[in-house]
Amino acid sequence: AERLLARSGAPEGAIVASDVRTGRILVWASRG
C-alpha cells in the first residue's frame, strides 16, 4: 500500500483496509 501511494504521486492520500469478519485493520498507509 505504501508503494502504491508513493507511485500515485498525489500530494496527500491514504489507503486503509480491514478484515471485514473481525474488524482487524490490515493496512494503514498515509501520504502527506
PDB file of all heavy atoms in Angstrom:
ATOM      1  N   ALA A   1       0.829  -1.206   0.000  1.00  0.00           N
ATOM      2  CA  ALA A   1       0.000   0.000   0.000  1.00  0.00           C
ATOM      3  C   ALA A   1       0.862   1.254   0.000  1.00  0.00           C
ATOM      4  O   ALA A   1       0.560   2.231  -0.700  1.00  0.00           O
ATOM      5  CB  ALA A   1      -0.923  -0.005   1.209  1.00  0.00           C
ATOM      6  N   GLU A   2       1.937   1.249   0.760  1.00  0.00           N
ATOM      7  CA  GLU A   2       2.827   2.405   0.787  1.00  0.00           C
ATOM      8  C   GLU A   2       3.476   2.635  -0.576  1.00  0.00           C
ATOM      9  O   GLU A   2       3.629   3.777  -1.010  1.00  0.00           O
ATOM     10  CB  GLU A   2       3.888   2.215   1.873  1.00  0.00           C
ATOM     11  CG  GLU A   2       3.310   2.283   3.287  1.00  0.00           C
ATOM     12  CD  GLU A   2       4.325   1.923   4.363  1.00  0.00           C
ATOM     13  OE1 GLU A   2       5.455   1.507   4.011  1.00  0.00           O
ATOM     14  OE2 GLU A   2       3.991   2.046   5.557  1.00  0.00           O
ATOM     15  N   ARG A   3       3.838   1.549  -1.258  1.00  0.00           N
ATOM     16  CA  ARG A   3       4.395   1.688  -2.610  1.00  0.00           C
ATOM     17  C   ARG A   3       3.363   2.257  -3.580  1.00  0.00           C
ATOM     18  O   ARG A   3       3.682   3.107  -4.422  1.00  0.00           O
ATOM     19  CB  ARG A   3       4.906   0.329  -3.114  1.00  0.00           C
ATOM     20  CG  ARG A   3       6.183  -0.152  -2.447  1.00  0.00           C
ATOM     21  CD  ARG A   3       6.803  -1.304  -3.215  1.00  0.00           C
ATOM     22  NE  ARG A   3       5.930  -2.474  -3.259  1.00  0.00           N
ATOM     23  CZ  ARG A   3       5.953  -3.459  -2.363  1.00  0.00           C
ATOM     24  NH1 ARG A   3       6.800  -3.403  -1.339  1.00  0.00           N
ATOM     25  NH2 ARG A   3       5.141  -4.493  -2.485  1.00  0.00           N
ATOM     26  N   LEU A   4       2.127   1.785  -3.488  1.00  0.00           N
ATOM     27  CA  LEU A   4       1.074   2.276  -4.374  1.00  0.00           C
ATOM     28  C   LEU A   4       0.830   3.769  -4.146  1.00  0.00           C
ATOM     29  O   LEU A   4       0.629   4.528  -5.102  1.00  0.00           O
ATOM     30  CB  LEU A   4      -0.213   1.490  -4.151  1.00  0.00           C
ATOM     31  CG  LEU A   4      -0.217   0.036  -4.637  1.00  0.00           C
ATOM     32  CD1 LEU A   4      -1.480  -0.683  -4.166  1.00  0.00           C
ATOM     33  CD2 LEU A   4      -0.100  -0.029  -6.151  1.00  0.00           C
ATOM     34  N   LEU A   5       0.828   4.200  -2.894  1.00  0.00           N
ATOM     35  CA  LEU A   5       0.635   5.621  -2.601  1.00  0.00           C
ATOM     36  C   LEU A   5       1.782   6.453  -3.158  1.00  0.00           C
ATOM     37  O   LEU A   5       1.561   7.520  -3.744  1.00  0.00           O
ATOM     38  CB  LEU A   5       0.526   5.843  -1.093  1.00  0.00           C
ATOM     39  CG  LEU A   5      -0.837   5.694  -0.447  1.00  0.00           C
ATOM     40  CD1 LEU A   5      -0.734   5.983   1.053  1.00  0.00           C
ATOM     41  CD2 LEU A   5      -1.871   6.618  -1.085  1.00  0.00           C
ATOM     42  N   ALA A   6       3.003   5.995  -2.959  1.00  0.00           N
ATOM     43  CA  ALA A   6       4.156   6.735  -3.460  1.00  0.00           C
ATOM     44  C   ALA A   6       4.106   6.843  -4.984  1.00  0.00           C
ATOM     45  O   ALA A   6       4.390   7.898  -5.561  1.00  0.00           O
ATOM     46  CB  ALA A   6       5.445   6.056  -3.007  1.00  0.00           C
ATOM     47  N   ARG A   7       3.719   5.753  -5.637  1.00  0.00           N
ATOM     48  CA  ARG A   7       3.656   5.743  -7.096  1.00  0.00           C
ATOM     49  C   ARG A   7       2.531   6.619  -7.638  1.00  0.00           C
ATOM     50  O   ARG A   7       2.597   7.100  -8.768  1.00  0.00           O
ATOM     51  CB  ARG A   7       3.465   4.303  -7.575  1.00  0.00           C
ATOM     52  CG  ARG A   7       3.782   4.095  -9.052  1.00  0.00           C
ATOM     53  CD  ARG A   7       3.741   2.633  -9.389  1.00  0.00           C
ATOM     54  NE  ARG A   7       2.383   2.091  -9.353  1.00  0.00           N
ATOM     55  CZ  ARG A   7       2.099   0.800  -9.381  1.00  0.00           C
ATOM     56  NH1 ARG A   7       3.070  -0.098  -9.399  1.00  0.00           N
ATOM     57  NH2 ARG A   7       0.847   0.391  -9.380  1.00  0.00           N
ATOM     58  N   SER A   8       1.496   6.851  -6.821  1.00  0.00           N
ATOM     59  CA  SER A   8       0.364   7.670  -7.277  1.00  0.00           C
ATOM     60  C   SER A   8       0.758   9.107  -7.550  1.00  0.00           C
ATOM     61  O   SER A   8       0.145   9.779  -8.376  1.00  0.00           O
ATOM     62  CB  SER A   8      -0.761   7.644  -6.233  1.00  0.00           C
ATOM     63  OG  SER A   8      -0.431   8.475  -5.117  1.00  0.00           O
ATOM     64  N   GLY A   9       1.764   9.594  -6.821  1.00  0.00           N
ATOM     65  CA  GLY A   9       2.200  10.977  -6.990  1.00  0.00           C
ATOM     66  C   GLY A   9       1.281  12.000  -6.359  1.00  0.00           C
ATOM     67  O   GLY A   9       1.529  13.207  -6.476  1.00  0.00           O
ATOM     68  N   ALA A  10       0.220  11.575  -5.678  1.00  0.00           N
ATOM     69  CA  ALA A  10      -0.713  12.513  -5.055  1.00  0.00           C
ATOM     70  C   ALA A  10      -0.032  13.225  -3.885  1.00  0.00           C
ATOM     71  O   ALA A  10       0.655  12.580  -3.094  1.00  0.00           O
ATOM     72  CB  ALA A  10      -1.951  11.787  -4.572  1.00  0.00           C
ATOM     73  N   PRO A  11      -0.220  14.542  -3.736  1.00  0.00           N
ATOM     74  CA  PRO A  11       0.375  15.241  -2.594  1.00  0.00           C
ATOM     75  C   PRO A  11      -0.114  14.707  -1.254  1.00  0.00           C
ATOM     76  O   PRO A  11       0.633  14.656  -0.289  1.00  0.00           O
ATOM     77  CB  PRO A  11      -0.074  16.691  -2.799  1.00  0.00           C
ATOM     78  CG  PRO A  11      -0.318  16.811  -4.271  1.00  0.00           C
ATOM     79  CD  PRO A  11      -0.882  15.469  -4.671  1.00  0.00           C
ATOM     80  N   GLU A  12      -1.402  14.351  -1.191  1.00  0.00           N
ATOM     81  CA  GLU A  12      -1.964  13.738   0.005  1.00  0.00           C
ATOM     82  C   GLU A  12      -2.785  12.521  -0.406  1.00  0.00           C
ATOM     83  O   GLU A  12      -3.387  12.514  -1.474  1.00  0.00           O
ATOM     84  CB  GLU A  12      -2.869  14.701   0.784  1.00  0.00           C
ATOM     85  CG  GLU A  12      -2.196  15.957   1.310  1.00  0.00           C
ATOM     86  CD  GLU A  12      -2.261  17.109   0.321  1.00  0.00           C
ATOM     87  OE1 GLU A  12      -3.179  17.130  -0.526  1.00  0.00           O
ATOM     88  OE2 GLU A  12      -1.369  17.991   0.405  1.00  0.00           O
ATOM     89  N   GLY A  13      -2.801  11.539   0.455  1.00  0.00           N
ATOM     90  CA  GLY A  13      -3.600  10.355   0.148  1.00  0.00           C
ATOM     91  C   GLY A  13      -3.542   9.358   1.275  1.00  0.00           C
ATOM     92  O   GLY A  13      -2.745   9.489   2.214  1.00  0.00           O
ATOM     93  N   ALA A  14      -4.386   8.344   1.190  1.00  0.00           N
ATOM     94  CA  ALA A  14      -4.416   7.314   2.226  1.00  0.00           C
ATOM     95  C   ALA A  14      -5.055   6.048   1.682  1.00  0.00           C
ATOM     96  O   ALA A  14      -5.918   6.097   0.797  1.00  0.00           O
ATOM     97  CB  ALA A  14      -5.184   7.796   3.452  1.00  0.00           C
ATOM     98  N   ILE A  15      -4.604   4.927   2.238  1.00  0.00           N
ATOM     99  CA  ILE A  15      -5.207   3.622   1.976  1.00  0.00           C
ATOM    100  C   ILE A  15      -5.397   2.947   3.321  1.00  0.00           C
ATOM    101  O   ILE A  15      -4.476   2.906   4.142  1.00  0.00           O
ATOM    102  CB  ILE A  15      -4.320   2.730   1.088  1.00  0.00           C
ATOM    103  CG1 ILE A  15      -3.985   3.412  -0.236  1.00  0.00           C
ATOM    104  CG2 ILE A  15      -4.990   1.374   0.845  1.00  0.00           C
ATOM    105  CD1 ILE A  15      -2.988   2.632  -1.094  1.00  0.00           C
ATOM    106  N   VAL A  16      -6.586   2.401   3.548  1.00  0.00           N
ATOM    107  CA  VAL A  16      -6.846   1.637   4.769  1.00  0.00           C
ATOM    108  C   VAL A  16      -7.672   0.419   4.378  1.00  0.00           C
ATOM    109  O   VAL A  16      -8.538   0.491   3.507  1.00  0.00           O
ATOM    110  CB  VAL A  16      -7.553   2.503   5.835  1.00  0.00           C
ATOM    111  CG1 VAL A  16      -8.882   3.035   5.343  1.00  0.00           C
ATOM    112  CG2 VAL A  16      -7.731   1.747   7.137  1.00  0.00           C
ATOM    113  N   ALA A  17      -7.366  -0.716   4.984  1.00  0.00           N
ATOM    114  CA  ALA A  17      -8.062  -1.962   4.665  1.00  0.00           C
ATOM    115  C   ALA A  17      -8.312  -2.745   5.941  1.00  0.00           C
ATOM    116  O   ALA A  17      -7.556  -2.640   6.919  1.00  0.00           O
ATOM    117  CB  ALA A  17      -7.240  -2.800   3.685  1.00  0.00           C
ATOM    118  N   SER A  18      -9.364  -3.554   5.919  1.00  0.00           N
ATOM    119  CA  SER A  18      -9.705  -4.366   7.095  1.00  0.00           C
ATOM    120  C   SER A  18     -10.183  -5.743   6.695  1.00  0.00           C
ATOM    121  O   SER A  18     -10.663  -5.964   5.583  1.00  0.00           O
ATOM    122  CB  SER A  18     -10.799  -3.672   7.920  1.00  0.00           C
ATOM    123  OG  SER A  18     -12.034  -3.665   7.206  1.00  0.00           O
ATOM    124  N   ASP A  19     -10.030  -6.676   7.622  1.00  0.00           N
ATOM    125  CA  ASP A  19     -10.673  -7.980   7.532  1.00  0.00           C
ATOM    126  C   ASP A  19     -12.119  -7.751   7.974  1.00  0.00           C
ATOM    127  O   ASP A  19     -12.373  -7.458   9.139  1.00  0.00           O
ATOM    128  CB  ASP A  19      -9.963  -8.955   8.468  1.00  0.00           C
ATOM    129  CG  ASP A  19     -10.582 -10.343   8.477  1.00  0.00           C
ATOM    130  OD1 ASP A  19     -11.814 -10.466   8.291  1.00  0.00           O
ATOM    131  OD2 ASP A  19      -9.849 -11.320   8.712  1.00  0.00           O
ATOM    132  N   VAL A  20     -13.059  -7.871   7.050  1.00  0.00           N
ATOM    133  CA  VAL A  20     -14.435  -7.475   7.374  1.00  0.00           C
ATOM    134  C   VAL A  20     -15.074  -8.365   8.436  1.00  0.00           C
ATOM    135  O   VAL A  20     -15.986  -7.940   9.146  1.00  0.00           O
ATOM    136  CB  VAL A  20     -15.331  -7.441   6.110  1.00  0.00           C
ATOM    137  CG1 VAL A  20     -14.800  -6.482   5.091  1.00  0.00           C
ATOM    138  CG2 VAL A  20     -15.488  -8.831   5.505  1.00  0.00           C
ATOM    139  N   ARG A  21     -14.592  -9.593   8.572  1.00  0.00           N
ATOM    140  CA  ARG A  21     -15.221 -10.520   9.514  1.00  0.00           C
ATOM    141  C   ARG A  21     -14.867 -10.183  10.961  1.00  0.00           C
ATOM    142  O   ARG A  21     -15.674 -10.398  11.864  1.00  0.00           O
ATOM    143  CB  ARG A  21     -14.797 -11.949   9.172  1.00  0.00           C
ATOM    144  CG  ARG A  21     -15.294 -12.414   7.808  1.00  0.00           C
ATOM    145  CD  ARG A  21     -14.527 -13.596   7.291  1.00  0.00           C
ATOM    146  NE  ARG A  21     -13.122 -13.267   7.042  1.00  0.00           N
ATOM    147  CZ  ARG A  21     -12.278 -14.061   6.379  1.00  0.00           C
ATOM    148  NH1 ARG A  21     -12.696 -15.215   5.918  1.00  0.00           N
ATOM    149  NH2 ARG A  21     -11.021 -13.704   6.189  1.00  0.00           N
ATOM    150  N   THR A  22     -13.657  -9.685  11.178  1.00  0.00           N
ATOM    151  CA  THR A  22     -13.197  -9.423  12.539  1.00  0.00           C
ATOM    152  C   THR A  22     -13.020  -7.942  12.852  1.00  0.00           C
ATOM    153  O   THR A  22     -12.951  -7.565  14.020  1.00  0.00           O
ATOM    154  CB  THR A  22     -11.844 -10.110  12.781  1.00  0.00           C
ATOM    155  OG1 THR A  22     -10.853  -9.511  11.917  1.00  0.00           O
ATOM    156  CG2 THR A  22     -11.930 -11.606  12.500  1.00  0.00           C
ATOM    157  N   GLY A  23     -12.899  -7.104  11.809  1.00  0.00           N
ATOM    158  CA  GLY A  23     -12.608  -5.692  12.022  1.00  0.00           C
ATOM    159  C   GLY A  23     -11.134  -5.407  12.181  1.00  0.00           C
ATOM    160  O   GLY A  23     -10.742  -4.254  12.423  1.00  0.00           O
ATOM    161  N   ARG A  24     -10.283  -6.407  12.039  1.00  0.00           N
ATOM    162  CA  ARG A  24      -8.833  -6.203  12.142  1.00  0.00           C
ATOM    163  C   ARG A  24      -8.350  -5.319  10.997  1.00  0.00           C
ATOM    164  O   ARG A  24      -8.621  -5.580   9.822  1.00  0.00           O
ATOM    165  CB  ARG A  24      -8.110  -7.544  12.093  1.00  0.00           C
ATOM    166  CG  ARG A  24      -6.590  -7.402  12.023  1.00  0.00           C
ATOM    167  CD  ARG A  24      -5.924  -8.685  11.540  1.00  0.00           C
ATOM    168  NE  ARG A  24      -4.519  -8.435  11.242  1.00  0.00           N
ATOM    169  CZ  ARG A  24      -3.758  -9.254  10.524  1.00  0.00           C
ATOM    170  NH1 ARG A  24      -4.262 -10.365  10.014  1.00  0.00           N
ATOM    171  NH2 ARG A  24      -2.484  -8.948  10.301  1.00  0.00           N
ATOM    172  N   ILE A  25      -7.628  -4.248  11.344  1.00  0.00           N
ATOM    173  CA  ILE A  25      -7.051  -3.379  10.324  1.00  0.00           C
ATOM    174  C   ILE A  25      -5.821  -4.064   9.726  1.00  0.00           C
ATOM    175  O   ILE A  25      -4.910  -4.473  10.441  1.00  0.00           O
ATOM    176  CB  ILE A  25      -6.658  -2.007  10.906  1.00  0.00           C
ATOM    177  CG1 ILE A  25      -7.893  -1.275  11.445  1.00  0.00           C
ATOM    178  CG2 ILE A  25      -5.957  -1.166   9.846  1.00  0.00           C
ATOM    179  CD1 ILE A  25      -8.868  -0.805  10.393  1.00  0.00           C
ATOM    180  N   LEU A  26      -5.798  -4.183   8.395  1.00  0.00           N
ATOM    181  CA  LEU A  26      -4.703  -4.835   7.678  1.00  0.00           C
ATOM    182  C   LEU A  26      -3.716  -3.831   7.094  1.00  0.00           C
ATOM    183  O   LEU A  26      -2.525  -4.133   6.951  1.00  0.00           O
ATOM    184  CB  LEU A  26      -5.270  -5.698   6.539  1.00  0.00           C
ATOM    185  CG  LEU A  26      -6.284  -6.768   6.929  1.00  0.00           C
ATOM    186  CD1 LEU A  26      -6.868  -7.420   5.680  1.00  0.00           C
ATOM    187  CD2 LEU A  26      -5.637  -7.806   7.837  1.00  0.00           C
ATOM    188  N   VAL A  27      -4.223  -2.656   6.717  1.00  0.00           N
ATOM    189  CA  VAL A  27      -3.396  -1.613   6.099  1.00  0.00           C
ATOM    190  C   VAL A  27      -3.783  -0.275   6.694  1.00  0.00           C
ATOM    191  O   VAL A  27      -4.983   0.016   6.859  1.00  0.00           O
ATOM    192  CB  VAL A  27      -3.590  -1.567   4.564  1.00  0.00           C
ATOM    193  CG1 VAL A  27      -2.951  -0.311   3.956  1.00  0.00           C
ATOM    194  CG2 VAL A  27      -3.031  -2.819   3.912  1.00  0.00           C
ATOM    195  N   TRP A  28      -2.768   0.536   7.007  1.00  0.00           N
ATOM    196  CA  TRP A  28      -2.992   1.911   7.482  1.00  0.00           C
ATOM    197  C   TRP A  28      -1.874   2.743   6.874  1.00  0.00           C
ATOM    198  O   TRP A  28      -0.842   2.982   7.503  1.00  0.00           O
ATOM    199  CB  TRP A  28      -2.975   1.960   9.005  1.00  0.00           C
ATOM    200  CG  TRP A  28      -3.367   3.259   9.646  1.00  0.00           C
ATOM    201  CD1 TRP A  28      -2.683   4.443   9.609  1.00  0.00           C
ATOM    202  CD2 TRP A  28      -4.536   3.504  10.450  1.00  0.00           C
ATOM    203  NE1 TRP A  28      -3.337   5.402  10.334  1.00  0.00           N
ATOM    204  CE2 TRP A  28      -4.474   4.854  10.867  1.00  0.00           C
ATOM    205  CE3 TRP A  28      -5.601   2.705  10.866  1.00  0.00           C
ATOM    206  CZ2 TRP A  28      -5.458   5.428  11.675  1.00  0.00           C
ATOM    207  CZ3 TRP A  28      -6.569   3.273  11.665  1.00  0.00           C
ATOM    208  CH2 TRP A  28      -6.502   4.616  12.068  1.00  0.00           C
ATOM    209  N   ALA A  29      -2.033   3.195   5.647  1.00  0.00           N
ATOM    210  CA  ALA A  29      -0.971   3.888   4.923  1.00  0.00           C
ATOM    211  C   ALA A  29      -1.399   5.301   4.578  1.00  0.00           C
ATOM    212  O   ALA A  29      -2.516   5.522   4.110  1.00  0.00           O
ATOM    213  CB  ALA A  29      -0.622   3.122   3.646  1.00  0.00           C
ATOM    214  N   SER A  30      -0.493   6.258   4.809  1.00  0.00           N
ATOM    215  CA  SER A  30      -0.817   7.663   4.582  1.00  0.00           C
ATOM    216  C   SER A  30       0.324   8.346   3.847  1.00  0.00           C
ATOM    217  O   SER A  30       1.495   7.978   4.004  1.00  0.00           O
ATOM    218  CB  SER A  30      -1.076   8.355   5.924  1.00  0.00           C
ATOM    219  OG  SER A  30      -1.406   9.712   5.740  1.00  0.00           O
ATOM    220  N   ARG A  31      -0.027   9.350   3.055  1.00  0.00           N
ATOM    221  CA  ARG A  31       0.964  10.136   2.313  1.00  0.00           C
ATOM    222  C   ARG A  31       0.640  11.614   2.519  1.00  0.00           C
ATOM    223  O   ARG A  31      -0.497  12.037   2.295  1.00  0.00           O
ATOM    224  CB  ARG A  31       0.926   9.777   0.823  1.00  0.00           C
ATOM    225  CG  ARG A  31       1.849  10.607  -0.070  1.00  0.00           C
ATOM    226  CD  ARG A  31       1.737  10.118  -1.509  1.00  0.00           C
ATOM    227  NE  ARG A  31       2.404  10.988  -2.461  1.00  0.00           N
ATOM    228  CZ  ARG A  31       3.697  10.947  -2.757  1.00  0.00           C
ATOM    229  NH1 ARG A  31       4.464  10.050  -2.168  1.00  0.00           N
ATOM    230  NH2 ARG A  31       4.217  11.772  -3.650  1.00  0.00           N
ATOM    231  N   GLY A  32       1.622  12.387   2.956  1.00  0.00           N
ATOM    232  CA  GLY A  32       1.396  13.805   3.203  1.00  0.00           C
ATOM    233  C   GLY A  32       1.854  14.195   4.593  1.00  0.00           C
ATOM    234  O   GLY A  32       2.554  13.444   5.278  1.00  0.00           O
TER     235      GLY A  32
END
